[in-house]
Amino acid sequence: EIDHRENTPEGRERLLALSKRYGLALTGSSDYH
């Protein structure tokens, strides 16, 4: 889950790299409560 308000900008970059390396899908959502 990459598009989430609590992920940091540098963390998002790390997730993008992991996604490319391992072929993982990327999702986005609100985590609405």
Full PDB file with SEQRES, HELIX, SHEET, SSBOND, CRYST1, ORIGX, SCALE, CONECT and MASTER records, all heavy atoms in Angstrom:
SEQRES   1 A   33  GLU ILE ASP HIS ARG GLU ASN THR PRO GLU GLY ARG GLU          
SEQRES   2 A   33  ARG LEU LEU ALA LEU SER LYS ARG TYR GLY LEU ALA LEU          
SEQRES   3 A   33  THR GLY SER SER ASP TYR HIS                                  
HELIX    1 AA1 PRO A    9  TYR A   22  1                                  14    
CRYST1    1.000    1.000    1.000  90.00  90.00  90.00 P 1           1          
ORIGX1      1.000000  0.000000  0.000000        0.00000                         
ORIGX2      0.000000  1.000000  0.000000        0.00000                         
ORIGX3      0.000000  0.000000  1.000000        0.00000                         
SCALE1      1.000000  0.000000  0.000000        0.00000                         
SCALE2      0.000000  1.000000  0.000000        0.00000                         
SCALE3      0.000000  0.000000  1.000000        0.00000                         
ATOM      1  N   GLU A   1       0.861  -1.176   0.000  1.00  0.00           N  
ATOM      2  CA  GLU A   1       0.000   0.000   0.000  1.00  0.00           C  
ATOM      3  C   GLU A   1       0.906   1.236   0.000  1.00  0.00           C  
ATOM      4  O   GLU A   1       1.413   1.651   1.038  1.00  0.00           O  
ATOM      5  CB  GLU A   1      -0.903  -0.017   1.240  1.00  0.00           C  
ATOM      6  CG  GLU A   1      -1.948   1.090   1.250  1.00  0.00           C  
ATOM      7  CD  GLU A   1      -2.768   1.063   2.530  1.00  0.00           C  
ATOM      8  OE1 GLU A   1      -2.168   1.043   3.631  1.00  0.00           O  
ATOM      9  OE2 GLU A   1      -4.008   1.063   2.428  1.00  0.00           O  
ATOM     10  N   ILE A   2       1.097   1.829  -1.173  1.00  0.00           N  
ATOM     11  CA  ILE A   2       2.045   2.932  -1.307  1.00  0.00           C  
ATOM     12  C   ILE A   2       1.383   4.287  -1.136  1.00  0.00           C  
ATOM     13  O   ILE A   2       1.953   5.197  -0.525  1.00  0.00           O  
ATOM     14  CB  ILE A   2       2.793   2.848  -2.658  1.00  0.00           C  
ATOM     15  CG1 ILE A   2       3.904   3.900  -2.708  1.00  0.00           C  
ATOM     16  CG2 ILE A   2       1.833   2.984  -3.832  1.00  0.00           C  
ATOM     17  CD1 ILE A   2       4.834   3.739  -3.905  1.00  0.00           C  
ATOM     18  N   ASP A   3       0.183   4.447  -1.682  1.00  0.00           N  
ATOM     19  CA  ASP A   3      -0.507   5.732  -1.586  1.00  0.00           C  
ATOM     20  C   ASP A   3      -1.363   5.755  -0.329  1.00  0.00           C  
ATOM     21  O   ASP A   3      -2.519   5.336  -0.320  1.00  0.00           O  
ATOM     22  CB  ASP A   3      -1.358   5.975  -2.841  1.00  0.00           C  
ATOM     23  CG  ASP A   3      -0.503   6.225  -4.074  1.00  0.00           C  
ATOM     24  OD1 ASP A   3       0.579   6.813  -3.914  1.00  0.00           O  
ATOM     25  OD2 ASP A   3      -0.902   5.814  -5.179  1.00  0.00           O  
ATOM     26  N   HIS A   4      -0.745   6.236   0.740  1.00  0.00           N  
ATOM     27  CA  HIS A   4      -1.373   6.329   2.061  1.00  0.00           C  
ATOM     28  C   HIS A   4      -0.753   7.527   2.748  1.00  0.00           C  
ATOM     29  O   HIS A   4       0.462   7.740   2.686  1.00  0.00           O  
ATOM     30  CB  HIS A   4      -1.114   5.052   2.861  1.00  0.00           C  
ATOM     31  CG  HIS A   4      -1.803   4.994   4.179  1.00  0.00           C  
ATOM     32  ND1 HIS A   4      -1.410   5.745   5.272  1.00  0.00           N  
ATOM     33  CD2 HIS A   4      -2.872   4.259   4.613  1.00  0.00           C  
ATOM     34  CE1 HIS A   4      -2.196   5.478   6.304  1.00  0.00           C  
ATOM     35  NE2 HIS A   4      -3.088   4.589   5.927  1.00  0.00           N  
ATOM     36  N   ARG A   5      -1.553   8.318   3.418  1.00  0.00           N  
ATOM     37  CA  ARG A   5      -1.065   9.585   3.971  1.00  0.00           C  
ATOM     38  C   ARG A   5       0.058   9.424   4.997  1.00  0.00           C  
ATOM     39  O   ARG A   5       0.810  10.373   5.238  1.00  0.00           O  
ATOM     40  CB  ARG A   5      -2.207  10.393   4.576  1.00  0.00           C  
ATOM     41  CG  ARG A   5      -2.861   9.758   5.789  1.00  0.00           C  
ATOM     42  CD  ARG A   5      -3.664  10.765   6.593  1.00  0.00           C  
ATOM     43  NE  ARG A   5      -4.725  11.429   5.836  1.00  0.00           N  
ATOM     44  CZ  ARG A   5      -5.255  12.597   6.186  1.00  0.00           C  
ATOM     45  NH1 ARG A   5      -4.842  13.209   7.287  1.00  0.00           N  
ATOM     46  NH2 ARG A   5      -6.213  13.134   5.475  1.00  0.00           N  
ATOM     47  N   GLU A   6       0.201   8.240   5.601  1.00  0.00           N  
ATOM     48  CA  GLU A   6       1.226   8.070   6.621  1.00  0.00           C  
ATOM     49  C   GLU A   6       2.566   7.600   6.065  1.00  0.00           C  
ATOM     50  O   GLU A   6       3.573   7.628   6.782  1.00  0.00           O  
ATOM     51  CB  GLU A   6       0.730   7.110   7.705  1.00  0.00           C  
ATOM     52  CG  GLU A   6      -0.451   7.648   8.497  1.00  0.00           C  
ATOM     53  CD  GLU A   6      -0.966   6.674   9.533  1.00  0.00           C  
ATOM     54  OE1 GLU A   6      -0.229   5.725   9.870  1.00  0.00           O  
ATOM     55  OE2 GLU A   6      -2.107   6.846   9.988  1.00  0.00           O  
ATOM     56  N   ASN A   7       2.619   7.169   4.817  1.00  0.00           N  
ATOM     57  CA  ASN A   7       3.901   6.801   4.222  1.00  0.00           C  
ATOM     58  C   ASN A   7       4.729   8.062   3.972  1.00  0.00           C  
ATOM     59  O   ASN A   7       4.218   9.060   3.449  1.00  0.00           O  
ATOM     60  CB  ASN A   7       3.700   6.065   2.897  1.00  0.00           C  
ATOM     61  CG  ASN A   7       3.230   4.636   3.079  1.00  0.00           C  
ATOM     62  OD1 ASN A   7       3.506   3.999   4.092  1.00  0.00           O  
ATOM     63  ND2 ASN A   7       2.506   4.124   2.091  1.00  0.00           N  
ATOM     64  N   THR A   8       6.000   8.017   4.330  1.00  0.00           N  
ATOM     65  CA  THR A   8       6.868   9.164   4.114  1.00  0.00           C  
ATOM     66  C   THR A   8       7.308   9.225   2.650  1.00  0.00           C  
ATOM     67  O   THR A   8       7.301   8.207   1.954  1.00  0.00           O  
ATOM     68  CB  THR A   8       8.112   9.072   5.003  1.00  0.00           C  
ATOM     69  OG1 THR A   8       8.876   7.919   4.603  1.00  0.00           O  
ATOM     70  CG2 THR A   8       7.736   8.953   6.469  1.00  0.00           C  
ATOM     71  N   PRO A   9       7.731  10.405   2.160  1.00  0.00           N  
ATOM     72  CA  PRO A   9       8.216  10.495   0.772  1.00  0.00           C  
ATOM     73  C   PRO A   9       9.380   9.548   0.501  1.00  0.00           C  
ATOM     74  O   PRO A   9       9.410   8.858  -0.530  1.00  0.00           O  
ATOM     75  CB  PRO A   9       8.640  11.966   0.648  1.00  0.00           C  
ATOM     76  CG  PRO A   9       7.776  12.691   1.623  1.00  0.00           C  
ATOM     77  CD  PRO A   9       7.627  11.744   2.791  1.00  0.00           C  
ATOM     78  N   GLU A  10      10.342   9.496   1.422  1.00  0.00           N  
ATOM     79  CA  GLU A  10      11.472   8.585   1.223  1.00  0.00           C  
ATOM     80  C   GLU A  10      11.023   7.123   1.321  1.00  0.00           C  
ATOM     81  O   GLU A  10      11.551   6.241   0.631  1.00  0.00           O  
ATOM     82  CB  GLU A  10      12.594   8.871   2.218  1.00  0.00           C  
ATOM     83  CG  GLU A  10      12.227   8.763   3.687  1.00  0.00           C  
ATOM     84  CD  GLU A  10      11.660  10.034   4.299  1.00  0.00           C  
ATOM     85  OE1 GLU A  10      11.136  10.885   3.546  1.00  0.00           O  
ATOM     86  OE2 GLU A  10      11.735  10.170   5.541  1.00  0.00           O  
ATOM     87  N   GLY A  11      10.030   6.873   2.170  1.00  0.00           N  
ATOM     88  CA  GLY A  11       9.482   5.525   2.272  1.00  0.00           C  
ATOM     89  C   GLY A  11       8.796   5.098   0.998  1.00  0.00           C  
ATOM     90  O   GLY A  11       8.900   3.935   0.572  1.00  0.00           O  
ATOM     91  N   ARG A  12       8.087   6.008   0.370  1.00  0.00           N  
ATOM     92  CA  ARG A  12       7.423   5.705  -0.906  1.00  0.00           C  
ATOM     93  C   ARG A  12       8.453   5.324  -1.971  1.00  0.00           C  
ATOM     94  O   ARG A  12       8.221   4.413  -2.774  1.00  0.00           O  
ATOM     95  CB  ARG A  12       6.592   6.898  -1.367  1.00  0.00           C  
ATOM     96  CG  ARG A  12       5.298   7.084  -0.591  1.00  0.00           C  
ATOM     97  CD  ARG A  12       4.637   8.412  -0.947  1.00  0.00           C  
ATOM     98  NE  ARG A  12       4.585   8.620  -2.376  1.00  0.00           N  
ATOM     99  CZ  ARG A  12       3.632   8.130  -3.175  1.00  0.00           C  
ATOM    100  NH1 ARG A  12       2.643   7.420  -2.657  1.00  0.00           N  
ATOM    101  NH2 ARG A  12       3.658   8.357  -4.466  1.00  0.00           N  
ATOM    102  N   GLU A  13       9.579   6.032  -1.974  1.00  0.00           N  
ATOM    103  CA  GLU A  13      10.627   5.695  -2.937  1.00  0.00           C  
ATOM    104  C   GLU A  13      11.144   4.287  -2.688  1.00  0.00           C  
ATOM    105  O   GLU A  13      11.413   3.528  -3.631  1.00  0.00           O  
ATOM    106  CB  GLU A  13      11.773   6.709  -2.838  1.00  0.00           C  
ATOM    107  CG  GLU A  13      11.419   8.094  -3.343  1.00  0.00           C  
ATOM    108  CD  GLU A  13      11.005   8.085  -4.797  1.00  0.00           C  
ATOM    109  OE1 GLU A  13      11.675   7.408  -5.607  1.00  0.00           O  
ATOM    110  OE2 GLU A  13       9.999   8.759  -5.137  1.00  0.00           O  
ATOM    111  N   ARG A  14      11.287   3.922  -1.418  1.00  0.00           N  
ATOM    112  CA  ARG A  14      11.743   2.577  -1.084  1.00  0.00           C  
ATOM    113  C   ARG A  14      10.722   1.531  -1.532  1.00  0.00           C  
ATOM    114  O   ARG A  14      11.076   0.461  -2.032  1.00  0.00           O  
ATOM    115  CB  ARG A  14      12.009   2.473   0.419  1.00  0.00           C  
ATOM    116  CG  ARG A  14      12.650   1.159   0.835  1.00  0.00           C  
ATOM    117  CD  ARG A  14      13.139   1.199   2.277  1.00  0.00           C  
ATOM    118  NE  ARG A  14      12.039   1.241   3.242  1.00  0.00           N  
ATOM    119  CZ  ARG A  14      11.707   2.304   3.937  1.00  0.00           C  
ATOM    120  NH1 ARG A  14      12.361   3.440   3.777  1.00  0.00           N  
ATOM    121  NH2 ARG A  14      10.708   2.262   4.802  1.00  0.00           N  
ATOM    122  N   LEU A  15       9.433   1.836  -1.342  1.00  0.00           N  
ATOM    123  CA  LEU A  15       8.394   0.902  -1.766  1.00  0.00           C  
ATOM    124  C   LEU A  15       8.384   0.731  -3.281  1.00  0.00           C  
ATOM    125  O   LEU A  15       8.178  -0.388  -3.792  1.00  0.00           O  
ATOM    126  CB  LEU A  15       7.024   1.382  -1.277  1.00  0.00           C  
ATOM    127  CG  LEU A  15       6.815   1.439   0.238  1.00  0.00           C  
ATOM    128  CD1 LEU A  15       5.402   1.911   0.566  1.00  0.00           C  
ATOM    129  CD2 LEU A  15       7.097   0.093   0.892  1.00  0.00           C  
ATOM    130  N   LEU A  16       8.582   1.834  -4.010  1.00  0.00           N  
ATOM    131  CA  LEU A  16       8.654   1.734  -5.469  1.00  0.00           C  
ATOM    132  C   LEU A  16       9.785   0.817  -5.896  1.00  0.00           C  
ATOM    133  O   LEU A  16       9.628  -0.013  -6.801  1.00  0.00           O  
ATOM    134  CB  LEU A  16       8.847   3.124  -6.078  1.00  0.00           C  
ATOM    135  CG  LEU A  16       7.601   4.000  -6.227  1.00  0.00           C  
ATOM    136  CD1 LEU A  16       8.005   5.416  -6.627  1.00  0.00           C  
ATOM    137  CD2 LEU A  16       6.651   3.406  -7.260  1.00  0.00           C  
ATOM    138  N   ALA A  17      10.933   0.955  -5.236  1.00  0.00           N  
ATOM    139  CA  ALA A  17      12.076   0.114  -5.574  1.00  0.00           C  
ATOM    140  C   ALA A  17      11.792  -1.354  -5.266  1.00  0.00           C  
ATOM    141  O   ALA A  17      12.131  -2.246  -6.065  1.00  0.00           O  
ATOM    142  CB  ALA A  17      13.317   0.597  -4.808  1.00  0.00           C  
ATOM    143  N   LEU A  18      11.169  -1.622  -4.118  1.00  0.00           N  
ATOM    144  CA  LEU A  18      10.824  -3.003  -3.765  1.00  0.00           C  
ATOM    145  C   LEU A  18       9.814  -3.571  -4.746  1.00  0.00           C  
ATOM    146  O   LEU A  18       9.887  -4.752  -5.124  1.00  0.00           O  
ATOM    147  CB  LEU A  18      10.269  -3.056  -2.341  1.00  0.00           C  
ATOM    148  CG  LEU A  18      11.271  -2.793  -1.211  1.00  0.00           C  
ATOM    149  CD1 LEU A  18      10.544  -2.691   0.126  1.00  0.00           C  
ATOM    150  CD2 LEU A  18      12.326  -3.897  -1.163  1.00  0.00           C  
ATOM    151  N   SER A  19       8.853  -2.747  -5.159  1.00  0.00           N  
ATOM    152  CA  SER A  19       7.845  -3.198  -6.121  1.00  0.00           C  
ATOM    153  C   SER A  19       8.495  -3.626  -7.429  1.00  0.00           C  
ATOM    154  O   SER A  19       8.145  -4.674  -7.996  1.00  0.00           O  
ATOM    155  CB  SER A  19       6.835  -2.073  -6.365  1.00  0.00           C  
ATOM    156  OG  SER A  19       6.002  -2.381  -7.462  1.00  0.00           O  
ATOM    157  N   LYS A  20       9.433  -2.820  -7.894  1.00  0.00           N  
ATOM    158  CA  LYS A  20      10.103  -3.148  -9.160  1.00  0.00           C  
ATOM    159  C   LYS A  20      10.970  -4.392  -9.013  1.00  0.00           C  
ATOM    160  O   LYS A  20      11.030  -5.240  -9.913  1.00  0.00           O  
ATOM    161  CB  LYS A  20      10.941  -1.958  -9.612  1.00  0.00           C  
ATOM    162  CG  LYS A  20      10.109  -0.757 -10.044  1.00  0.00           C  
ATOM    163  CD  LYS A  20      10.988   0.435 -10.378  1.00  0.00           C  
ATOM    164  CE  LYS A  20      10.141   1.642 -10.770  1.00  0.00           C  
ATOM    165  NZ  LYS A  20      10.968   2.847 -11.039  1.00  0.00           N  
ATOM    166  N   ARG A  21      11.645  -4.499  -7.892  1.00  0.00           N  
ATOM    167  CA  ARG A  21      12.559  -5.625  -7.701  1.00  0.00           C  
ATOM    168  C   ARG A  21      11.819  -6.950  -7.600  1.00  0.00           C  
ATOM    169  O   ARG A  21      12.263  -7.968  -8.143  1.00  0.00           O  
ATOM    170  CB  ARG A  21      13.399  -5.404  -6.448  1.00  0.00           C  
ATOM    171  CG  ARG A  21      14.372  -6.541  -6.151  1.00  0.00           C  
ATOM    172  CD  ARG A  21      15.231  -6.243  -4.938  1.00  0.00           C  
ATOM    173  NE  ARG A  21      16.130  -7.351  -4.638  1.00  0.00           N  
ATOM    174  CZ  ARG A  21      16.958  -7.370  -3.602  1.00  0.00           C  
ATOM    175  NH1 ARG A  21      17.025  -6.333  -2.772  1.00  0.00           N  
ATOM    176  NH2 ARG A  21      17.725  -8.420  -3.390  1.00  0.00           N  
ATOM    177  N   TYR A  22      10.680  -6.950  -6.900  1.00  0.00           N  
ATOM    178  CA  TYR A  22       9.984  -8.207  -6.609  1.00  0.00           C  
ATOM    179  C   TYR A  22       8.682  -8.394  -7.394  1.00  0.00           C  
ATOM    180  O   TYR A  22       7.996  -9.397  -7.201  1.00  0.00           O  
ATOM    181  CB  TYR A  22       9.682  -8.292  -5.115  1.00  0.00           C  
ATOM    182  CG  TYR A  22      10.914  -8.447  -4.258  1.00  0.00           C  
ATOM    183  CD1 TYR A  22      11.454  -7.357  -3.574  1.00  0.00           C  
ATOM    184  CD2 TYR A  22      11.553  -9.684  -4.142  1.00  0.00           C  
ATOM    185  CE1 TYR A  22      12.589  -7.495  -2.781  1.00  0.00           C  
ATOM    186  CE2 TYR A  22      12.693  -9.825  -3.363  1.00  0.00           C  
ATOM    187  CZ  TYR A  22      13.207  -8.734  -2.686  1.00  0.00           C  
ATOM    188  OH  TYR A  22      14.326  -8.864  -1.912  1.00  0.00           O  
ATOM    189  N   GLY A  23       8.334  -7.445  -8.246  1.00  0.00           N  
ATOM    190  CA  GLY A  23       7.113  -7.579  -9.025  1.00  0.00           C  
ATOM    191  C   GLY A  23       5.846  -7.447  -8.203  1.00  0.00           C  
ATOM    192  O   GLY A  23       4.843  -8.114  -8.485  1.00  0.00           O  
ATOM    193  N   LEU A  24       5.889  -6.600  -7.188  1.00  0.00           N  
ATOM    194  CA  LEU A  24       4.738  -6.430  -6.302  1.00  0.00           C  
ATOM    195  C   LEU A  24       3.796  -5.356  -6.834  1.00  0.00           C  
ATOM    196  O   LEU A  24       4.223  -4.333  -7.374  1.00  0.00           O  
ATOM    197  CB  LEU A  24       5.209  -6.039  -4.903  1.00  0.00           C  
ATOM    198  CG  LEU A  24       5.961  -7.122  -4.134  1.00  0.00           C  
ATOM    199  CD1 LEU A  24       6.675  -6.515  -2.936  1.00  0.00           C  
ATOM    200  CD2 LEU A  24       4.992  -8.216  -3.678  1.00  0.00           C  
ATOM    201  N   ALA A  25       2.509  -5.583  -6.652  1.00  0.00           N  
ATOM    202  CA  ALA A  25       1.508  -4.590  -7.021  1.00  0.00           C  
ATOM    203  C   ALA A  25       1.538  -3.431  -6.029  1.00  0.00           C  
ATOM    204  O   ALA A  25       1.954  -3.590  -4.875  1.00  0.00           O  
ATOM    205  CB  ALA A  25       0.125  -5.235  -7.046  1.00  0.00           C  
ATOM    206  N   LEU A  26       1.083  -2.272  -6.480  1.00  0.00           N  
ATOM    207  CA  LEU A  26       1.006  -1.084  -5.630  1.00  0.00           C  
ATOM    208  C   LEU A  26      -0.439  -0.628  -5.518  1.00  0.00           C  
ATOM    209  O   LEU A  26      -1.144  -0.522  -6.530  1.00  0.00           O  
ATOM    210  CB  LEU A  26       1.857   0.048  -6.215  1.00  0.00           C  
ATOM    211  CG  LEU A  26       3.364  -0.222  -6.266  1.00  0.00           C  
ATOM    212  CD1 LEU A  26       4.084   0.890  -7.025  1.00  0.00           C  
ATOM    213  CD2 LEU A  26       3.939  -0.356  -4.861  1.00  0.00           C  
ATOM    214  N   THR A  27      -0.892  -0.401  -4.296  1.00  0.00           N  
ATOM    215  CA  THR A  27      -2.270   0.025  -4.065  1.00  0.00           C  
ATOM    216  C   THR A  27      -2.288   1.381  -3.368  1.00  0.00           C  
ATOM    217  O   THR A  27      -1.277   1.852  -2.864  1.00  0.00           O  
ATOM    218  CB  THR A  27      -3.035  -0.993  -3.198  1.00  0.00           C  
ATOM    219  OG1 THR A  27      -2.497  -0.968  -1.860  1.00  0.00           O  
ATOM    220  CG2 THR A  27      -2.941  -2.402  -3.768  1.00  0.00           C  
ATOM    221  N   GLY A  28      -3.470   1.993  -3.362  1.00  0.00           N  
ATOM    222  CA  GLY A  28      -3.665   3.248  -2.651  1.00  0.00           C  
ATOM    223  C   GLY A  28      -5.025   3.264  -2.004  1.00  0.00           C  
ATOM    224  O   GLY A  28      -5.983   2.698  -2.545  1.00  0.00           O  
ATOM    225  N   SER A  29      -5.122   3.890  -0.840  1.00  0.00           N  
ATOM    226  CA  SER A  29      -6.396   3.887  -0.125  1.00  0.00           C  
ATOM    227  C   SER A  29      -6.371   4.907   0.999  1.00  0.00           C  
ATOM    228  O   SER A  29      -5.342   5.507   1.303  1.00  0.00           O  
ATOM    229  CB  SER A  29      -6.691   2.487   0.427  1.00  0.00           C  
ATOM    230  OG  SER A  29      -5.563   1.941   1.061  1.00  0.00           O  
ATOM    231  N   SER A  30      -7.531   5.072   1.630  1.00  0.00           N  
ATOM    232  CA  SER A  30      -7.672   6.149   2.604  1.00  0.00           C  
ATOM    233  C   SER A  30      -7.380   5.737   4.037  1.00  0.00           C  
ATOM    234  O   SER A  30      -6.945   6.551   4.840  1.00  0.00           O  
ATOM    235  CB  SER A  30      -9.098   6.700   2.548  1.00  0.00           C  
ATOM    236  OG  SER A  30     -10.040   5.708   2.961  1.00  0.00           O  
ATOM    237  N   ASP A  31      -7.658   4.472   4.400  1.00  0.00           N  
ATOM    238  CA  ASP A  31      -7.611   4.049   5.810  1.00  0.00           C  
ATOM    239  C   ASP A  31      -8.652   4.850   6.597  1.00  0.00           C  
ATOM    240  O   ASP A  31      -8.391   5.333   7.696  1.00  0.00           O  
ATOM    241  CB  ASP A  31      -6.215   4.236   6.383  1.00  0.00           C  
ATOM    242  CG  ASP A  31      -5.966   3.440   7.657  1.00  0.00           C  
ATOM    243  OD1 ASP A  31      -6.897   2.737   8.098  1.00  0.00           O  
ATOM    244  OD2 ASP A  31      -4.860   3.538   8.207  1.00  0.00           O  
ATOM    245  N   TYR A  32      -9.837   4.953   6.019  1.00  0.00           N  
ATOM    246  CA  TYR A  32     -10.926   5.752   6.583  1.00  0.00           C  
ATOM    247  C   TYR A  32     -11.464   5.137   7.873  1.00  0.00           C  
ATOM    248  O   TYR A  32     -11.662   3.928   7.955  1.00  0.00           O  
ATOM    249  CB  TYR A  32     -12.039   5.833   5.548  1.00  0.00           C  
ATOM    250  CG  TYR A  32     -13.291   6.559   5.954  1.00  0.00           C  
ATOM    251  CD1 TYR A  32     -13.302   7.939   6.091  1.00  0.00           C  
ATOM    252  CD2 TYR A  32     -14.479   5.864   6.152  1.00  0.00           C  
ATOM    253  CE1 TYR A  32     -14.470   8.617   6.427  1.00  0.00           C  
ATOM    254  CE2 TYR A  32     -15.647   6.527   6.484  1.00  0.00           C  
ATOM    255  CZ  TYR A  32     -15.634   7.906   6.621  1.00  0.00           C  
ATOM    256  OH  TYR A  32     -16.799   8.558   6.957  1.00  0.00           O  
ATOM    257  N   HIS A  33     -11.680   5.993   8.885  1.00  0.00           N  
ATOM    258  CA  HIS A  33     -12.243   5.556  10.165  1.00  0.00           C  
ATOM    259  C   HIS A  33     -13.451   6.405  10.558  1.00  0.00           C  
ATOM    260  O   HIS A  33     -13.768   6.522  11.743  1.00  0.00           O  
ATOM    261  CB  HIS A  33     -11.201   5.669  11.278  1.00  0.00           C  
ATOM    262  CG  HIS A  33     -10.155   4.601  11.273  1.00  0.00           C  
ATOM    263  ND1 HIS A  33      -9.196   4.488  10.292  1.00  0.00           N  
ATOM    264  CD2 HIS A  33      -9.911   3.587  12.155  1.00  0.00           C  
ATOM    265  CE1 HIS A  33      -8.403   3.465  10.570  1.00  0.00           C  
ATOM    266  NE2 HIS A  33      -8.812   2.900  11.689  1.00  0.00           N  
TER     267      HIS A  33                                                      
MASTER        0    0    0    1    0    0    0    6  266    1    0    3          
END                                                                             
